[in-house]
PDB file of N, CA and C in Angstrom:
ATOM      1  N   MET A   1       0.845  -1.181   0.000  1.00  0.00           N
ATOM      2  CA  MET A   1       0.000   0.000   0.000  1.00  0.00           C
ATOM      3  C   MET A   1       0.889   1.242   0.000  1.00  0.00           C
ATOM      4  N   ARG A   2       0.558   2.196  -0.845  1.00  0.00           N
ATOM      5  CA  ARG A   2       1.332   3.425  -0.935  1.00  0.00           C
ATOM      6  C   ARG A   2       0.791   4.445   0.056  1.00  0.00           C
ATOM      7  N   VAL A   3       1.686   5.126   0.721  1.00  0.00           N
ATOM      8  CA  VAL A   3       1.309   6.192   1.637  1.00  0.00           C
ATOM      9  C   VAL A   3       0.951   7.411   0.798  1.00  0.00           C
ATOM     10  N   PRO A   4      -0.182   8.089   1.075  1.00  0.00           N
ATOM     11  CA  PRO A   4      -0.525   9.284   0.291  1.00  0.00           C
ATOM     12  C   PRO A   4       0.604  10.306   0.349  1.00  0.00           C
ATOM     13  N   ILE A   5       0.885  10.912  -0.787  1.00  0.00           N
ATOM     14  CA  ILE A   5       2.005  11.854  -0.873  1.00  0.00           C
ATOM     15  C   ILE A   5       1.810  13.035   0.074  1.00  0.00           C
ATOM     16  N   ALA A   6       0.573  13.463   0.288  1.00  0.00           N
ATOM     17  CA  ALA A   6       0.340  14.575   1.211  1.00  0.00           C
ATOM     18  C   ALA A   6       0.785  14.208   2.622  1.00  0.00           C
ATOM     19  N   ALA A   7       0.581  12.950   3.019  1.00  0.00           N
ATOM     20  CA  ALA A   7       1.039  12.511   4.339  1.00  0.00           C
ATOM     21  C   ALA A   7       2.559  12.517   4.400  1.00  0.00           C
ATOM     22  N   LEU A   8       3.208  12.078   3.326  1.00  0.00           N
ATOM     23  CA  LEU A   8       4.666  12.087   3.299  1.00  0.00           C
ATOM     24  C   LEU A   8       5.210  13.504   3.330  1.00  0.00           C
ATOM     25  N   LEU A   9       4.542  14.416   2.632  1.00  0.00           N
ATOM     26  CA  LEU A   9       5.008  15.799   2.641  1.00  0.00           C
ATOM     27  C   LEU A   9       4.930  16.374   4.048  1.00  0.00           C
ATOM     28  N   GLY A  10       3.987  15.910   4.833  1.00  0.00           N
ATOM     29  CA  GLY A  10       3.901  16.334   6.220  1.00  0.00           C
ATOM     30  C   GLY A  10       5.092  15.863   7.035  1.00  0.00           C
ATOM     31  N   CYS A  11       5.783  14.844   6.562  1.00  0.00           N
ATOM     32  CA  CYS A  11       6.956  14.300   7.249  1.00  0.00           C
ATOM     33  C   CYS A  11       8.232  15.024   6.842  1.00  0.00           C
ATOM     34  N   ALA A  12       8.139  16.016   6.001  1.00  0.00           N
ATOM     35  CA  ALA A  12       9.336  16.645   5.451  1.00  0.00           C
ATOM     36  C   ALA A  12      10.209  17.288   6.516  1.00  0.00           C
ATOM     37  N   ALA A  13       9.633  17.615   7.636  1.00  0.00           N
ATOM     38  CA  ALA A  13      10.453  18.144   8.721  1.00  0.00           C
ATOM     39  C   ALA A  13      11.210  17.010   9.405  1.00  0.00           C
ATOM     40  N   PHE A  14      10.938  15.785   8.955  1.00  0.00           N
ATOM     41  CA  PHE A  14      11.618  14.576   9.386  1.00  0.00           C
ATOM     42  C   PHE A  14      11.404  14.266  10.855  1.00  0.00           C
ATOM     43  N   GLY A  15      10.244  14.663  11.367  1.00  0.00           N
ATOM     44  CA  GLY A  15       9.847  14.269  12.698  1.00  0.00           C
ATOM     45  C   GLY A  15       8.710  13.268  12.614  1.00  0.00           C
ATOM     46  N   CYS A  16       8.556  12.639  11.484  1.00  0.00           N
ATOM     47  CA  CYS A  16       7.435  11.762  11.204  1.00  0.00           C
ATOM     48  C   CYS A  16       7.641  10.386  11.826  1.00  0.00           C
ATOM     49  N   SER A  17       6.538   9.759  12.225  1.00  0.00           N
ATOM     50  CA  SER A  17       6.633   8.421  12.801  1.00  0.00           C
ATOM     51  C   SER A  17       6.362   7.338  11.766  1.00  0.00           C
ATOM     52  N   ALA A  18       6.242   7.691  10.502  1.00  0.00           N
ATOM     53  CA  ALA A  18       5.982   6.703   9.453  1.00  0.00           C
ATOM     54  C   ALA A  18       7.154   5.739   9.331  1.00  0.00           C
ATOM     55  N   SER A  19       6.853   4.555   8.855  1.00  0.00           N
ATOM     56  CA  SER A  19       7.865   3.514   8.704  1.00  0.00           C
ATOM     57  C   SER A  19       8.979   3.965   7.774  1.00  0.00           C
ATOM     58  N   VAL A  20      10.223   3.713   8.173  1.00  0.00           N
ATOM     59  CA  VAL A  20      11.369   4.082   7.339  1.00  0.00           C
ATOM     60  C   VAL A  20      11.319   3.337   6.021  1.00  0.00           C
ATOM     61  N   SER A  21      10.817   2.101   6.015  1.00  0.00           N
ATOM     62  CA  SER A  21      10.750   1.345   4.765  1.00  0.00           C
ATOM     63  C   SER A  21       9.815   2.014   3.768  1.00  0.00           C
ATOM     64  N   VAL A  22       8.761   2.651   4.267  1.00  0.00           N
ATOM     65  CA  VAL A  22       7.855   3.374   3.373  1.00  0.00           C
ATOM     66  C   VAL A  22       8.533   4.625   2.850  1.00  0.00           C
ATOM     67  N   LEU A  23       9.236   5.342   3.728  1.00  0.00           N
ATOM     68  CA  LEU A  23       9.833   6.612   3.342  1.00  0.00           C
ATOM     69  C   LEU A  23      11.038   6.460   2.420  1.00  0.00           C
ATOM     70  N   THR A  24      11.643   5.290   2.374  1.00  0.00           N
ATOM     71  CA  THR A  24      12.816   5.135   1.521  1.00  0.00           C
ATOM     72  C   THR A  24      12.436   4.843   0.082  1.00  0.00           C
ATOM     73  N   LYS A  25      11.169   4.595  -0.181  1.00  0.00           N
ATOM     74  CA  LYS A  25      10.727   4.358  -1.555  1.00  0.00           C
ATOM     75  C   LYS A  25      10.332   5.699  -2.174  1.00  0.00           C
ATOM     76  N   PRO A  26      10.937   6.069  -3.288  1.00  0.00           N
ATOM     77  CA  PRO A  26      10.567   7.348  -3.903  1.00  0.00           C
ATOM     78  C   PRO A  26       9.085   7.393  -4.279  1.00  0.00           C
ATOM     79  N   GLU A  27       8.475   8.533  -4.046  1.00  0.00           N
ATOM     80  CA  GLU A  27       7.094   8.788  -4.432  1.00  0.00           C
ATOM     81  C   GLU A  27       7.112   9.796  -5.564  1.00  0.00           C
ATOM     82  N   GLY A  28       6.140   9.716  -6.439  1.00  0.00           N
ATOM     83  CA  GLY A  28       6.105  10.600  -7.592  1.00  0.00           C
ATOM     84  C   GLY A  28       5.073  11.698  -7.474  1.00  0.00           C
ATOM     85  N   LEU A  29       5.371  12.828  -8.074  1.00  0.00           N
ATOM     86  CA  LEU A  29       4.433  13.933  -8.230  1.00  0.00           C
ATOM     87  C   LEU A  29       4.432  14.331  -9.693  1.00  0.00           C
ATOM     88  N   THR A  30       3.248  14.527 -10.248  1.00  0.00           N
ATOM     89  CA  THR A  30       3.112  15.097 -11.580  1.00  0.00           C
ATOM     90  C   THR A  30       2.471  16.459 -11.387  1.00  0.00           C
ATOM     91  N   CYS A  31       3.170  17.504 -11.808  1.00  0.00           N
ATOM     92  CA  CYS A  31       2.761  18.882 -11.540  1.00  0.00           C
ATOM     93  C   CYS A  31       2.514  19.608 -12.862  1.00  0.00           C
ATOM     94  N   THR A  32       1.374  20.306 -12.949  1.00  0.00           N
ATOM     95  CA  THR A  32       0.982  20.981 -14.185  1.00  0.00           C
ATOM     96  C   THR A  32       0.747  22.465 -13.925  1.00  0.00           C
ATOM     97  N   ALA A  33       1.347  23.312 -14.763  1.00  0.00           N
ATOM     98  CA  ALA A  33       1.159  24.764 -14.672  1.00  0.00           C
ATOM     99  C   ALA A  33      -0.061  25.168 -15.498  1.00  0.00           C
ATOM    100  N   LEU A  34      -0.536  26.385 -15.302  1.00  0.00           N
ATOM    101  CA  LEU A  34      -1.675  26.888 -16.073  1.00  0.00           C
ATOM    102  C   LEU A  34      -1.394  26.912 -17.571  1.00  0.00           C
ATOM    103  N   ASN A  35      -0.123  27.106 -17.953  1.00  0.00           N
ATOM    104  CA  ASN A  35       0.222  27.152 -19.372  1.00  0.00           C
ATOM    105  C   ASN A  35       0.383  25.760 -19.979  1.00  0.00           C
ATOM    106  N   GLY A  36       0.123  24.712 -19.180  1.00  0.00           N
ATOM    107  CA  GLY A  36       0.202  23.341 -19.683  1.00  0.00           C
ATOM    108  C   GLY A  36       1.544  22.666 -19.474  1.00  0.00           C
ATOM    109  N   ALA A  37       2.536  23.399 -19.001  1.00  0.00           N
ATOM    110  CA  ALA A  37       3.850  22.798 -18.747  1.00  0.00           C
ATOM    111  C   ALA A  37       3.723  21.750 -17.643  1.00  0.00           C
ATOM    112  N   VAL A  38       4.427  20.636 -17.815  1.00  0.00           N
ATOM    113  CA  VAL A  38       4.369  19.539 -16.851  1.00  0.00           C
ATOM    114  C   VAL A  38       5.761  19.275 -16.292  1.00  0.00           C
ATOM    115  N   VAL A  39       5.836  19.097 -14.981  1.00  0.00           N
ATOM    116  CA  VAL A  39       7.073  18.736 -14.293  1.00  0.00           C
ATOM    117  C   VAL A  39       6.785  17.465 -13.509  1.00  0.00           C
ATOM    118  N   ARG A  40       7.669  16.488 -13.641  1.00  0.00           N
ATOM    119  CA  ARG A  40       7.544  15.261 -12.854  1.00  0.00           C
ATOM    120  C   ARG A  40       8.693  15.206 -11.864  1.00  0.00           C
ATOM    121  N   LEU A  41       8.342  14.890 -10.620  1.00  0.00           N
ATOM    122  CA  LEU A  41       9.317  14.835  -9.537  1.00  0.00           C
ATOM    123  C   LEU A  41       9.237  13.500  -8.816  1.00  0.00           C
ATOM    124  N   ASN A  42      10.367  13.003  -8.391  1.00  0.00           N
ATOM    125  CA  ASN A  42      10.434  11.890  -7.447  1.00  0.00           C
ATOM    126  C   ASN A  42      10.912  12.465  -6.125  1.00  0.00           C
ATOM    127  N   LEU A  43      10.207  12.152  -5.044  1.00  0.00           N
ATOM    128  CA  LEU A  43      10.618  12.568  -3.708  1.00  0.00           C
ATOM    129  C   LEU A  43      10.990  11.331  -2.913  1.00  0.00           C
ATOM    130  N   ASP A  44      12.146  11.347  -2.311  1.00  0.00           N
ATOM    131  CA  ASP A  44      12.589  10.263  -1.439  1.00  0.00           C
ATOM    132  C   ASP A  44      12.904  10.906  -0.093  1.00  0.00           C
ATOM    133  N   LEU A  45      11.864  11.048   0.724  1.00  0.00           N
ATOM    134  CA  LEU A  45      12.026  11.760   1.986  1.00  0.00           C
ATOM    135  C   LEU A  45      12.851  10.976   2.991  1.00  0.00           C
ATOM    136  N   GLY A  46      12.878   9.655   2.863  1.00  0.00           N
ATOM    137  CA  GLY A  46      13.711   8.848   3.746  1.00  0.00           C
ATOM    138  C   GLY A  46      15.183   9.159   3.581  1.00  0.00           C
ATOM    139  N   HIS A  47      15.578   9.467   2.347  1.00  0.00           N
ATOM    140  CA  HIS A  47      16.970   9.828   2.063  1.00  0.00           C
ATOM    141  C   HIS A  47      17.150  11.333   1.874  1.00  0.00           C
ATOM    142  N   ARG A  48      16.079  12.097   2.086  1.00  0.00           N
ATOM    143  CA  ARG A  48      16.080  13.565   1.939  1.00  0.00           C
ATOM    144  C   ARG A  48      16.582  14.005   0.571  1.00  0.00           C
ATOM    145  N   THR A  49      16.084  13.331  -0.483  1.00  0.00           N
ATOM    146  CA  THR A  49      16.476  13.684  -1.848  1.00  0.00           C
ATOM    147  C   THR A  49      15.242  13.868  -2.718  1.00  0.00           C
ATOM    148  N   PHE A  50      15.441  14.557  -3.847  1.00  0.00           N
ATOM    149  CA  PHE A  50      14.404  14.692  -4.864  1.00  0.00           C
ATOM    150  C   PHE A  50      15.080  14.599  -6.220  1.00  0.00           C
ATOM    151  N   GLN A  51      14.280  14.327  -7.227  1.00  0.00           N
ATOM    152  CA  GLN A  51      14.799  14.309  -8.592  1.00  0.00           C
ATOM    153  C   GLN A  51      13.726  14.823  -9.529  1.00  0.00           C
ATOM    154  N   LYS A  52      14.076  15.827 -10.307  1.00  0.00           N
ATOM    155  CA  LYS A  52      13.213  16.318 -11.375  1.00  0.00           C
ATOM    156  C   LYS A  52      13.536  15.476 -12.598  1.00  0.00           C
ATOM    157  N   GLU A  53      12.506  15.057 -13.317  1.00  0.00           N
ATOM    158  CA  GLU A  53      12.721  14.187 -14.470  1.00  0.00           C
ATOM    159  C   GLU A  53      13.713  14.829 -15.440  1.00  0.00           C
ATOM    160  N   GLY A  54      14.721  14.057 -15.842  1.00  0.00           N
ATOM    161  CA  GLY A  54      15.740  14.539 -16.760  1.00  0.00           C
ATOM    162  C   GLY A  54      16.952  15.154 -16.079  1.00  0.00           C
ATOM    163  N   PHE A  55      16.933  15.215 -14.755  1.00  0.00           N
ATOM    164  CA  PHE A  55      18.024  15.818 -13.995  1.00  0.00           C
ATOM    165  C   PHE A  55      18.527  14.827 -12.947  1.00  0.00           C
ATOM    166  N   PRO A  56      19.730  15.050 -12.411  1.00  0.00           N
ATOM    167  CA  PRO A  56      20.241  14.144 -11.373  1.00  0.00           C
ATOM    168  C   PRO A  56      19.496  14.322 -10.049  1.00  0.00           C
ATOM    169  N   ARG A  57      19.600  13.323  -9.210  1.00  0.00           N
ATOM    170  CA  ARG A  57      19.011  13.379  -7.872  1.00  0.00           C
ATOM    171  C   ARG A  57      19.837  14.349  -7.025  1.00  0.00           C
ATOM    172  N   LEU A  58      19.135  15.157  -6.218  1.00  0.00           N
ATOM    173  CA  LEU A  58      19.789  16.165  -5.374  1.00  0.00           C
ATOM    174  C   LEU A  58      19.249  16.090  -3.951  1.00  0.00           C
ATOM    175  N   PRO A  59      20.017  16.559  -2.976  1.00  0.00           N
ATOM    176  CA  PRO A  59      19.492  16.607  -1.610  1.00  0.00           C
ATOM    177  C   PRO A  59      18.430  17.696  -1.481  1.00  0.00           C
ATOM    178  N   ILE A  60      17.429  17.444  -0.644  1.00  0.00           N
ATOM    179  CA  ILE A  60      16.430  18.465  -0.335  1.00  0.00           C
ATOM    180  C   ILE A  60      17.128  19.540   0.491  1.00  0.00           C
ATOM    181  N   ALA A  61      16.951  20.797   0.109  1.00  0.00           N
ATOM    182  CA  ALA A  61      17.684  21.896   0.743  1.00  0.00           C
ATOM    183  C   ALA A  61      17.228  22.175   2.170  1.00  0.00           C
ATOM    184  N   ASP A  62      15.893  22.204   2.400  1.00  0.00           N
ATOM    185  CA  ASP A  62      15.418  22.649   3.705  1.00  0.00           C
ATOM    186  C   ASP A  62      13.928  22.390   3.825  1.00  0.00           C
ATOM    187  N   SER A  63      13.418  22.510   5.024  1.00  0.00           N
ATOM    188  CA  SER A  63      11.990  22.475   5.290  1.00  0.00           C
ATOM    189  C   SER A  63      11.692  23.646   6.206  1.00  0.00           C
ATOM    190  N   ILE A  64      10.861  24.579   5.713  1.00  0.00           N
ATOM    191  CA  ILE A  64      10.568  25.802   6.459  1.00  0.00           C
ATOM    192  C   ILE A  64       9.055  25.943   6.542  1.00  0.00           C
ATOM    193  N   GLY A  65       8.483  25.717   7.708  1.00  0.00           N
ATOM    194  CA  GLY A  65       7.036  25.819   7.866  1.00  0.00           C
ATOM    195  C   GLY A  65       6.323  24.881   6.912  1.00  0.00           C
ATOM    196  N   ARG A  66       5.447  25.440   6.071  1.00  0.00           N
ATOM    197  CA  ARG A  66       4.702  24.635   5.096  1.00  0.00           C
ATOM    198  C   ARG A  66       5.521  24.294   3.862  1.00  0.00           C
ATOM    199  N   GLN A  67       6.672  24.902   3.705  1.00  0.00           N
ATOM    200  CA  GLN A  67       7.466  24.751   2.484  1.00  0.00           C
ATOM    201  C   GLN A  67       8.531  23.671   2.603  1.00  0.00           C
ATOM    202  N   ILE A  68       8.611  22.820   1.592  1.00  0.00           N
ATOM    203  CA  ILE A  68       9.743  21.930   1.424  1.00  0.00           C
ATOM    204  C   ILE A  68      10.583  22.589   0.340  1.00  0.00           C
ATOM    205  N   VAL A  69      11.721  23.128   0.719  1.00  0.00           N
ATOM    206  CA  VAL A  69      12.591  23.813  -0.236  1.00  0.00           C
ATOM    207  C   VAL A  69      13.456  22.755  -0.903  1.00  0.00           C
ATOM    208  N   LEU A  70      13.151  22.474  -2.164  1.00  0.00           N
ATOM    209  CA  LEU A  70      13.885  21.443  -2.882  1.00  0.00           C
ATOM    210  C   LEU A  70      15.280  21.922  -3.239  1.00  0.00           C
ATOM    211  N   MET A  71      15.375  23.122  -3.769  1.00  0.00           N
ATOM    212  CA  MET A  71      16.689  23.661  -4.120  1.00  0.00           C
ATOM    213  C   MET A  71      16.665  25.169  -4.048  1.00  0.00           C
ATOM    214  N   ARG A  72      17.836  25.718  -3.786  1.00  0.00           N
ATOM    215  CA  ARG A  72      18.021  27.164  -3.730  1.00  0.00           C
ATOM    216  C   ARG A  72      19.444  27.413  -4.208  1.00  0.00           C
ATOM    217  N   ASP A  73      19.599  28.273  -5.189  1.00  0.00           N
ATOM    218  CA  ASP A  73      20.930  28.558  -5.719  1.00  0.00           C
ATOM    219  C   ASP A  73      21.060  30.063  -5.908  1.00  0.00           C
ATOM    220  N   MET A  74      22.124  30.630  -5.368  1.00  0.00           N
ATOM    221  CA  MET A  74      22.340  32.069  -5.473  1.00  0.00           C
ATOM    222  C   MET A  74      23.681  32.353  -6.127  1.00  0.00           C
ATOM    223  N   THR A  75      23.661  33.325  -7.010  1.00  0.00           N
ATOM    224  CA  THR A  75      24.892  33.844  -7.596  1.00  0.00           C
ATOM    225  C   THR A  75      24.907  35.344  -7.319  1.00  0.00           C
ATOM    226  N   ALA A  76      25.919  36.020  -7.801  1.00  0.00           N
ATOM    227  CA  ALA A  76      25.982  37.474  -7.618  1.00  0.00           C
ATOM    228  C   ALA A  76      24.826  38.170  -8.328  1.00  0.00           C
ATOM    229  N   ASP A  77      24.329  37.569  -9.417  1.00  0.00           N
ATOM    230  CA  ASP A  77      23.306  38.218 -10.237  1.00  0.00           C
ATOM    231  C   ASP A  77      21.887  37.713 -10.023  1.00  0.00           C
ATOM    232  N   SER A  78      21.724  36.482  -9.535  1.00  0.00           N
ATOM    233  CA  SER A  78      20.370  35.941  -9.459  1.00  0.00           C
ATOM    234  C   SER A  78      20.224  34.903  -8.354  1.00  0.00           C
ATOM    235  N   MET A  79      18.970  34.603  -8.062  1.00  0.00           N
ATOM    236  CA  MET A  79      18.640  33.536  -7.136  1.00  0.00           C
ATOM    237  C   MET A  79      17.524  32.715  -7.768  1.00  0.00           C
ATOM    238  N   VAL A  80      17.672  31.408  -7.771  1.00  0.00           N
ATOM    239  CA  VAL A  80      16.617  30.522  -8.255  1.00  0.00           C
ATOM    240  C   VAL A  80      16.261  29.563  -7.125  1.00  0.00           C
ATOM    241  N   SER A  81      14.988  29.176  -7.090  1.00  0.00           N
ATOM    242  CA  SER A  81      14.560  28.236  -6.060  1.00  0.00           C
ATOM    243  C   SER A  81      13.394  27.410  -6.570  1.00  0.00           C
ATOM    244  N   ALA A  82      13.191  26.278  -5.927  1.00  0.00           N
ATOM    245  CA  ALA A  82      12.053  25.409  -6.212  1.00  0.00           C
ATOM    246  C   ALA A  82      11.579  24.850  -4.884  1.00  0.00           C
ATOM    247  N   SER A  83      10.270  24.870  -4.680  1.00  0.00           N
ATOM    248  CA  SER A  83       9.733  24.388  -3.415  1.00  0.00           C
ATOM    249  C   SER A  83       8.357  23.771  -3.625  1.00  0.00           C
ATOM    250  N   ILE A  84       7.920  23.031  -2.620  1.00  0.00           N
ATOM    251  CA  ILE A  84       6.581  22.448  -2.613  1.00  0.00           C
ATOM    252  C   ILE A  84       5.883  22.948  -1.362  1.00  0.00           C
ATOM    253  N   ASP A  85       4.652  23.424  -1.536  1.00  0.00           N
ATOM    254  CA  ASP A  85       3.832  23.851  -0.410  1.00  0.00           C
ATOM    255  C   ASP A  85       3.044  22.635   0.065  1.00  0.00           C
ATOM    256  N   ARG A  86       3.275  22.198   1.300  1.00  0.00           N
ATOM    257  CA  ARG A  86       2.618  20.992   1.812  1.00  0.00           C
ATOM    258  C   ARG A  86       1.112  21.141   1.901  1.00  0.00           C
ATOM    259  N   ALA A  87       0.613  22.339   2.173  1.00  0.00           N
ATOM    260  CA  ALA A  87      -0.823  22.532   2.361  1.00  0.00           C
ATOM    261  C   ALA A  87      -1.586  22.517   1.041  1.00  0.00           C
ATOM    262  N   THR A  88      -1.018  23.118   0.003  1.00  0.00           N
ATOM    263  CA  THR A  88      -1.738  23.243  -1.271  1.00  0.00           C
ATOM    264  C   THR A  88      -1.288  22.249  -2.329  1.00  0.00           C
ATOM    265  N   MET A  89      -0.175  21.527  -2.080  1.00  0.00           N
ATOM    266  CA  MET A  89       0.414  20.604  -3.052  1.00  0.00           C
ATOM    267  C   MET A  89       0.867  21.348  -4.311  1.00  0.00           C
ATOM    268  N   ASP A  90       1.268  22.612  -4.174  1.00  0.00           N
ATOM    269  CA  ASP A  90       1.797  23.390  -5.297  1.00  0.00           C
ATOM    270  C   ASP A  90       3.314  23.276  -5.332  1.00  0.00           C
ATOM    271  N   TYR A  91       3.845  23.143  -6.542  1.00  0.00           N
ATOM    272  CA  TYR A  91       5.286  23.191  -6.787  1.00  0.00           C
ATOM    273  C   TYR A  91       5.545  24.571  -7.370  1.00  0.00           C
ATOM    274  N   VAL A  92       6.490  25.313  -6.809  1.00  0.00           N
ATOM    275  CA  VAL A  92       6.768  26.678  -7.260  1.00  0.00           C
ATOM    276  C   VAL A  92       8.233  26.784  -7.657  1.00  0.00           C
ATOM    277  N   ALA A  93       8.464  27.190  -8.902  1.00  0.00           N
ATOM    278  CA  ALA A  93       9.818  27.452  -9.396  1.00  0.00           C
ATOM    279  C   ALA A  93       9.921  28.959  -9.598  1.00  0.00           C
ATOM    280  N   SER A  94      10.963  29.561  -9.038  1.00  0.00           N
ATOM    281  CA  SER A  94      11.078  31.014  -9.167  1.00  0.00           C
ATOM    282  C   SER A  94      12.520  31.432  -9.389  1.00  0.00           C
ATOM    283  N   SER A  95      12.655  32.603 -10.002  1.00  0.00           N
ATOM    284  CA  SER A  95      13.975  33.205 -10.174  1.00  0.00           C
ATOM    285  C   SER A  95      13.846  34.695  -9.885  1.00  0.00           C
ATOM    286  N   ASN A  96      14.925  35.253  -9.373  1.00  0.00           N
ATOM    287  CA  ASN A  96      14.944  36.656  -9.001  1.00  0.00           C
ATOM    288  C   ASN A  96      16.252  37.249  -9.506  1.00  0.00           C
ATOM    289  N   ASP A  97      16.155  38.184 -10.456  1.00  0.00           N
ATOM    290  CA  ASP A  97      17.338  38.863 -10.977  1.00  0.00           C
ATOM    291  C   ASP A  97      17.686  39.984 -10.007  1.00  0.00           C
ATOM    292  N   ARG A  98      18.839  39.909  -9.403  1.00  0.00           N
ATOM    293  CA  ARG A  98      19.217  40.879  -8.373  1.00  0.00           C
ATOM    294  C   ARG A  98      19.507  42.265  -8.928  1.00  0.00           C
ATOM    295  N   LYS A  99      19.896  42.359 -10.180  1.00  0.00           N
ATOM    296  CA  LYS A  99      20.199  43.680 -10.759  1.00  0.00           C
ATOM    297  C   LYS A  99      18.920  44.406 -11.158  1.00  0.00           C
ATOM    298  N   SER A 100      18.045  43.729 -11.892  1.00  0.00           N
ATOM    299  CA  SER A 100      16.822  44.380 -12.364  1.00  0.00           C
ATOM    300  C   SER A 100      15.665  44.218 -11.380  1.00  0.00           C
ATOM    301  N   HIS A 101      15.824  43.358 -10.393  1.00  0.00           N
ATOM    302  CA  HIS A 101      14.785  43.031  -9.414  1.00  0.00           C
ATOM    303  C   HIS A 101      13.577  42.353 -10.056  1.00  0.00           C
ATOM    304  N   ALA A 102      13.759  41.831 -11.263  1.00  0.00           N
ATOM    305  CA  ALA A 102      12.678  41.105 -11.929  1.00  0.00           C
ATOM    306  C   ALA A 102      12.513  39.737 -11.274  1.00  0.00           C
ATOM    307  N   VAL A 103      11.270  39.391 -10.990  1.00  0.00           N
ATOM    308  CA  VAL A 103      10.959  38.102 -10.377  1.00  0.00           C
ATOM    309  C   VAL A 103      10.078  37.314 -11.331  1.00  0.00           C
ATOM    310  N   THR A 104      10.459  36.074 -11.569  1.00  0.00           N
ATOM    311  CA  THR A 104       9.664  35.175 -12.397  1.00  0.00           C
ATOM    312  C   THR A 104       9.271  33.994 -11.531  1.00  0.00           C
ATOM    313  N   GLU A 105       7.978  33.662 -11.539  1.00  0.00           N
ATOM    314  CA  GLU A 105       7.506  32.535 -10.742  1.00  0.00           C
ATOM    315  C   GLU A 105       6.523  31.719 -11.560  1.00  0.00           C
ATOM    316  N   THR A 106       6.685  30.417 -11.535  1.00  0.00           N
ATOM    317  CA  THR A 106       5.731  29.513 -12.168  1.00  0.00           C
ATOM    318  C   THR A 106       5.214  28.574 -11.096  1.00  0.00           C
ATOM    319  N   ARG A 107       3.893  28.521 -10.973  1.00  0.00           N
ATOM    320  CA  ARG A 107       3.244  27.686  -9.959  1.00  0.00           C
ATOM    321  C   ARG A 107       2.574  26.509 -10.663  1.00  0.00           C
ATOM    322  N   TYR A 108       2.838  25.322 -10.148  1.00  0.00           N
ATOM    323  CA  TYR A 108       2.300  24.085 -10.701  1.00  0.00           C
ATOM    324  C   TYR A 108       1.412  23.420  -9.651  1.00  0.00           C
ATOM    325  N   SER A 109       0.290  22.873 -10.078  1.00  0.00           N
ATOM    326  CA  SER A 109      -0.578  22.101  -9.204  1.00  0.00           C
ATOM    327  C   SER A 109      -0.189  20.634  -9.338  1.00  0.00           C
ATOM    328  N   CYS A 110       0.041  19.945  -8.229  1.00  0.00           N
ATOM    329  CA  CYS A 110       0.590  18.581  -8.264  1.00  0.00           C
ATOM    330  C   CYS A 110      -0.415  17.532  -7.808  1.00  0.00           C
ATOM    331  N   VAL A 111      -0.286  16.357  -8.385  1.00  0.00           N
ATOM    332  CA  VAL A 111      -1.032  15.180  -7.951  1.00  0.00           C
ATOM    333  C   VAL A 111      -0.042  14.040  -7.750  1.00  0.00           C
ATOM    334  N   ALA A 112      -0.357  13.180  -6.798  1.00  0.00           N
ATOM    335  CA  ALA A 112       0.504  12.030  -6.523  1.00  0.00           C
ATOM    336  C   ALA A 112       0.355  10.996  -7.626  1.00  0.00           C
ATOM    337  N   GLY A 113       1.430  10.307  -7.888  1.00  0.00           N
ATOM    338  CA  GLY A 113       1.438   9.250  -8.890  1.00  0.00           C
ATOM    339  C   GLY A 113       2.663   8.389  -8.693  1.00  0.00           C
ATOM    340  N   PRO A 114       2.862   7.459  -9.581  1.00  0.00           N
ATOM    341  CA  PRO A 114       4.041   6.601  -9.434  1.00  0.00           C
ATOM    342  C   PRO A 114       5.322   7.389  -9.703  1.00  0.00           C
ATOM    343  N   ALA A 115       6.384   6.967  -9.056  1.00  0.00           N
ATOM    344  CA  ALA A 115       7.696   7.557  -9.321  1.00  0.00           C
ATOM    345  C   ALA A 115       8.100   7.208 -10.742  1.00  0.00           C
ATOM    346  N   PHE A 116       8.755   8.131 -11.445  1.00  0.00           N
ATOM    347  CA  PHE A 116       9.204   7.825 -12.803  1.00  0.00           C
ATOM    348  C   PHE A 116      10.428   6.931 -12.735  1.00  0.00           C
ATOM    349  N   GLU A 117      10.637   6.188 -13.792  1.00  0.00           N
ATOM    350  CA  GLU A 117      11.772   5.275 -13.868  1.00  0.00           C
ATOM    351  C   GLU A 117      13.034   6.050 -14.212  1.00  0.00           C
ATOM    352  N   VAL A 118      14.110   5.737 -13.534  1.00  0.00           N
ATOM    353  CA  VAL A 118      15.405   6.352 -13.806  1.00  0.00           C
ATOM    354  C   VAL A 118      16.279   5.291 -14.454  1.00  0.00           C
ATOM    355  N   PRO A 119      16.707   5.511 -15.713  1.00  0.00           N
ATOM    356  CA  PRO A 119      17.550   4.504 -16.365  1.00  0.00           C
ATOM    357  C   PRO A 119      18.872   4.334 -15.626  1.00  0.00           C
ATOM    358  N   ASN A 120      19.383   3.126 -15.645  1.00  0.00           N
ATOM    359  CA  ASN A 120      20.676   2.854 -15.007  1.00  0.00           C
ATOM    360  C   ASN A 120      21.776   3.588 -15.748  1.00  0.00           C
ATOM    361  N   ALA A 121      22.621   4.285 -15.005  1.00  0.00           N
ATOM    362  CA  ALA A 121      23.771   4.973 -15.614  1.00  0.00           C
ATOM    363  C   ALA A 121      24.852   3.940 -15.911  1.00  0.00           C
ATOM    364  N   GLN A 122      25.422   3.999 -17.090  1.00  0.00           N
ATOM    365  CA  GLN A 122      26.463   3.034 -17.457  1.00  0.00           C
ATOM    366  C   GLN A 122      27.733   3.731 -17.815  1.00  0.00           C
TER     367      GLN A 122
END
């Protein structure tokens, strides 16, 4: 039996009493933006990692209140971040240009589904 992804997202602060065997299995999210763009994510909260389809697996950056901060990267010129809101199941990708102060944000609505297959690296 699969644990609902919303319940797992509640464990993101890692104070959850759920079975470690359940948490070590990646869970999938399929997220769709208003413009039709689709992002697929695998979350492995037992190992505190995530993977966006087509990209390598990375450690989850942080958990702040309702937000699971998947990644945050800052340079002298910009900041990009991606997070999931546990309450709304929204995935938010944003960038902030520090020189022009332009902010771009794309919000995706997510549903739980199977984790995508990752081909073996050879």
